[in-house]
Amino acid sequence: MKHRPEYDIKLIGRNLKRFRKAKKLSINEVREYLRLGSVQAIYKYESGSNYPPADAMFALMKLYEISLGDLLSDPEEAQETPENFTVPDMISIDMAVARHRIRVKKYRRLYLRHTSSAAG
């Protein structure tokens, strides 16, 4: 049986803070949105001291317009696209790799056909 995954509470807190700032929301605005009595809970979520309850977590994801994957991923570990690469360049590279794989399969079949007929 597999064990449940572990989640980095500090990373989740940093991401919550990063997404709040990206939306240009204050701690007080988030407090009002979540209908909390004080801002202390939000400070605890963003510092990584506590996880938000599930309903608050879902509400924050909706407010920040993020997915669970966004919340759990480390932006520093994400591969950055070089500045001089554009999407069409990356698509053309992907297409070239796909064409290469097709050629390799085609020539491999021809080689195997040739070697099996020569041996027999």
C-alpha atoms as a PDB file:
ATOM      1  CA  MET A   1       0.000   0.000   0.000  1.00  0.00           C
ATOM      2  CA  LYS A   2       1.235   3.478  -0.836  1.00  0.00           C
ATOM      3  CA  HIS A   3       1.701   6.124   1.828  1.00  0.00           C
ATOM      4  CA  ARG A   4       0.015   9.476   1.588  1.00  0.00           C
ATOM      5  CA  PRO A   5       2.150  12.310   0.187  1.00  0.00           C
ATOM      6  CA  GLU A   6       3.706  14.890   2.477  1.00  0.00           C
ATOM      7  CA  TYR A   7       3.112  18.566   1.762  1.00  0.00           C
ATOM      8  CA  ASP A   8       5.465  21.405   2.631  1.00  0.00           C
ATOM      9  CA  ILE A   9       3.468  23.758   4.862  1.00  0.00           C
ATOM     10  CA  LYS A  10       6.102  26.499   4.501  1.00  0.00           C
ATOM     11  CA  LEU A  11       5.931  26.291   0.689  1.00  0.00           C
ATOM     12  CA  ILE A  12       2.141  26.486   0.755  1.00  0.00           C
ATOM     13  CA  GLY A  13       2.378  29.536   3.012  1.00  0.00           C
ATOM     14  CA  ARG A  14       4.883  31.251   0.710  1.00  0.00           C
ATOM     15  CA  ASN A  15       2.645  30.501  -2.277  1.00  0.00           C
ATOM     16  CA  LEU A  16      -0.438  31.882  -0.524  1.00  0.00           C
ATOM     17  CA  LYS A  17       1.440  35.097   0.203  1.00  0.00           C
ATOM     18  CA  ARG A  18       2.849  35.290  -3.325  1.00  0.00           C
ATOM     19  CA  PHE A  19      -0.567  34.827  -4.952  1.00  0.00           C
ATOM     20  CA  ARG A  20      -2.182  37.369  -2.590  1.00  0.00           C
ATOM     21  CA  LYS A  21       0.448  39.930  -3.513  1.00  0.00           C
ATOM     22  CA  ALA A  22       0.105  39.108  -7.205  1.00  0.00           C
ATOM     23  CA  LYS A  23      -3.604  39.925  -6.931  1.00  0.00           C
ATOM     24  CA  LYS A  24      -2.673  43.139  -5.057  1.00  0.00           C
ATOM     25  CA  LEU A  25      -4.868  42.217  -2.095  1.00  0.00           C
ATOM     26  CA  SER A  26      -4.226  43.313   1.464  1.00  0.00           C
ATOM     27  CA  ILE A  27      -4.357  40.973   4.437  1.00  0.00           C
ATOM     28  CA  ASN A  28      -7.483  42.807   5.595  1.00  0.00           C
ATOM     29  CA  GLU A  29      -9.227  42.302   2.235  1.00  0.00           C
ATOM     30  CA  VAL A  30      -8.532  38.569   2.427  1.00  0.00           C
ATOM     31  CA  ARG A  31      -9.782  38.544   6.032  1.00  0.00           C
ATOM     32  CA  GLU A  32     -13.033  40.173   4.923  1.00  0.00           C
ATOM     33  CA  TYR A  33     -13.389  37.736   2.021  1.00  0.00           C
ATOM     34  CA  LEU A  34     -12.962  34.747   4.339  1.00  0.00           C
ATOM     35  CA  ARG A  35     -15.201  36.408   6.984  1.00  0.00           C
ATOM     36  CA  LEU A  36     -12.622  36.016   9.736  1.00  0.00           C
ATOM     37  CA  GLY A  37     -12.596  38.068  12.930  1.00  0.00           C
ATOM     38  CA  SER A  38      -8.901  38.953  12.790  1.00  0.00           C
ATOM     39  CA  VAL A  39      -5.968  38.831  10.403  1.00  0.00           C
ATOM     40  CA  GLN A  40      -3.930  36.501  12.643  1.00  0.00           C
ATOM     41  CA  ALA A  41      -5.198  33.355  10.897  1.00  0.00           C
ATOM     42  CA  ILE A  42      -4.074  34.680   7.504  1.00  0.00           C
ATOM     43  CA  TYR A  43      -0.640  35.548   8.892  1.00  0.00           C
ATOM     44  CA  LYS A  44      -0.406  31.982  10.216  1.00  0.00           C
ATOM     45  CA  TYR A  45      -1.400  30.517   6.822  1.00  0.00           C
ATOM     46  CA  GLU A  46       1.130  32.674   4.973  1.00  0.00           C
ATOM     47  CA  SER A  47       3.946  32.018   7.450  1.00  0.00           C
ATOM     48  CA  GLY A  48       3.426  28.278   7.212  1.00  0.00           C
ATOM     49  CA  SER A  49       2.447  27.897  10.868  1.00  0.00           C
ATOM     50  CA  ASN A  50      -1.020  26.504  10.087  1.00  0.00           C
ATOM     51  CA  TYR A  51      -2.872  25.099   7.123  1.00  0.00           C
ATOM     52  CA  PRO A  52      -6.100  26.874   6.252  1.00  0.00           C
ATOM     53  CA  PRO A  53      -9.205  24.716   6.837  1.00  0.00           C
ATOM     54  CA  ALA A  54     -10.394  23.013   3.638  1.00  0.00           C
ATOM     55  CA  ASP A  55     -13.225  25.477   3.005  1.00  0.00           C
ATOM     56  CA  ALA A  56     -10.877  28.455   3.457  1.00  0.00           C
ATOM     57  CA  MET A  57      -8.262  26.796   1.216  1.00  0.00           C
ATOM     58  CA  PHE A  58     -10.808  26.334  -1.573  1.00  0.00           C
ATOM     59  CA  ALA A  59     -12.053  29.899  -1.114  1.00  0.00           C
ATOM     60  CA  LEU A  60      -8.481  31.231  -1.354  1.00  0.00           C
ATOM     61  CA  MET A  61      -7.829  29.182  -4.485  1.00  0.00           C
ATOM     62  CA  LYS A  62     -10.951  30.685  -6.052  1.00  0.00           C
ATOM     63  CA  LEU A  63     -10.023  34.215  -4.925  1.00  0.00           C
ATOM     64  CA  TYR A  64      -6.474  33.920  -6.259  1.00  0.00           C
ATOM     65  CA  GLU A  65      -7.635  32.017  -9.378  1.00  0.00           C
ATOM     66  CA  ILE A  66      -5.146  29.197  -8.840  1.00  0.00           C
ATOM     67  CA  SER A  67      -5.239  25.422  -8.950  1.00  0.00           C
ATOM     68  CA  LEU A  68      -4.142  22.980  -6.292  1.00  0.00           C
ATOM     69  CA  GLY A  69      -1.048  22.300  -8.397  1.00  0.00           C
ATOM     70  CA  ASP A  70      -0.157  25.999  -8.339  1.00  0.00           C
ATOM     71  CA  LEU A  71      -0.497  26.039  -4.571  1.00  0.00           C
ATOM     72  CA  LEU A  72       1.671  22.950  -4.021  1.00  0.00           C
ATOM     73  CA  SER A  73       4.413  23.642  -6.564  1.00  0.00           C
ATOM     74  CA  ASP A  74       7.656  25.475  -5.962  1.00  0.00           C
ATOM     75  CA  PRO A  75       8.039  28.296  -8.508  1.00  0.00           C
ATOM     76  CA  GLU A  76      11.828  28.238  -8.055  1.00  0.00           C
ATOM     77  CA  GLU A  77      11.989  24.604  -9.181  1.00  0.00           C
ATOM     78  CA  ALA A  78       9.898  25.260 -12.298  1.00  0.00           C
ATOM     79  CA  GLN A  79      11.889  25.246 -15.497  1.00  0.00           C
ATOM     80  CA  GLU A  80      12.129  28.678 -16.947  1.00  0.00           C
ATOM     81  CA  THR A  81      11.858  29.213 -20.668  1.00  0.00           C
ATOM     82  CA  PRO A  82      14.855  31.074 -22.090  1.00  0.00           C
ATOM     83  CA  GLU A  83      13.935  34.630 -23.036  1.00  0.00           C
ATOM     84  CA  ASN A  84      15.010  34.199 -26.643  1.00  0.00           C
ATOM     85  CA  PHE A  85      12.760  31.143 -27.089  1.00  0.00           C
ATOM     86  CA  THR A  86       9.274  31.758 -28.373  1.00  0.00           C
ATOM     87  CA  VAL A  87       6.377  29.325 -28.372  1.00  0.00           C
ATOM     88  CA  PRO A  88       6.607  28.729 -32.153  1.00  0.00           C
ATOM     89  CA  ASP A  89      10.298  27.830 -31.704  1.00  0.00           C
ATOM     90  CA  MET A  90       9.420  25.281 -29.034  1.00  0.00           C
ATOM     91  CA  ILE A  91       6.618  23.846 -31.182  1.00  0.00           C
ATOM     92  CA  SER A  92       8.963  23.472 -34.142  1.00  0.00           C
ATOM     93  CA  ILE A  93      11.507  21.717 -31.909  1.00  0.00           C
ATOM     94  CA  ASP A  94       8.795  19.332 -30.683  1.00  0.00           C
ATOM     95  CA  MET A  95       7.770  18.635 -34.268  1.00  0.00           C
ATOM     96  CA  ALA A  96      11.382  17.986 -35.281  1.00  0.00           C
ATOM     97  CA  VAL A  97      11.798  15.525 -32.414  1.00  0.00           C
ATOM     98  CA  ALA A  98       8.563  13.753 -33.414  1.00  0.00           C
ATOM     99  CA  ARG A  99       9.722  13.512 -37.064  1.00  0.00           C
ATOM    100  CA  HIS A 100      13.065  12.133 -35.901  1.00  0.00           C
ATOM    101  CA  ARG A 101      11.340   9.433 -33.834  1.00  0.00           C
ATOM    102  CA  ILE A 102       9.187   8.436 -36.810  1.00  0.00           C
ATOM    103  CA  ARG A 103      12.288   8.175 -39.027  1.00  0.00           C
ATOM    104  CA  VAL A 104      14.115   6.079 -36.429  1.00  0.00           C
ATOM    105  CA  LYS A 105      11.183   3.661 -36.199  1.00  0.00           C
ATOM    106  CA  LYS A 106      10.907   3.478 -39.990  1.00  0.00           C
ATOM    107  CA  TYR A 107      14.614   2.779 -40.528  1.00  0.00           C
ATOM    108  CA  ARG A 108      14.701   0.338 -37.625  1.00  0.00           C
ATOM    109  CA  ARG A 109      11.892  -1.684 -39.254  1.00  0.00           C
ATOM    110  CA  LEU A 110      13.732  -1.623 -42.601  1.00  0.00           C
ATOM    111  CA  TYR A 111      16.982  -2.706 -40.921  1.00  0.00           C
ATOM    112  CA  LEU A 112      15.289  -5.553 -39.062  1.00  0.00           C
ATOM    113  CA  ARG A 113      13.539  -6.678 -42.252  1.00  0.00           C
ATOM    114  CA  HIS A 114      16.856  -6.591 -44.127  1.00  0.00           C
ATOM    115  CA  THR A 115      18.838  -8.459 -41.473  1.00  0.00           C
ATOM    116  CA  SER A 116      16.159 -11.136 -41.021  1.00  0.00           C
ATOM    117  CA  SER A 117      15.948 -11.775 -44.793  1.00  0.00           C
ATOM    118  CA  ALA A 118      19.753 -11.947 -45.087  1.00  0.00           C
ATOM    119  CA  ALA A 119      20.014 -14.433 -42.224  1.00  0.00           C
ATOM    120  CA  GLY A 120      17.285 -16.728 -43.547  1.00  0.00           C
END
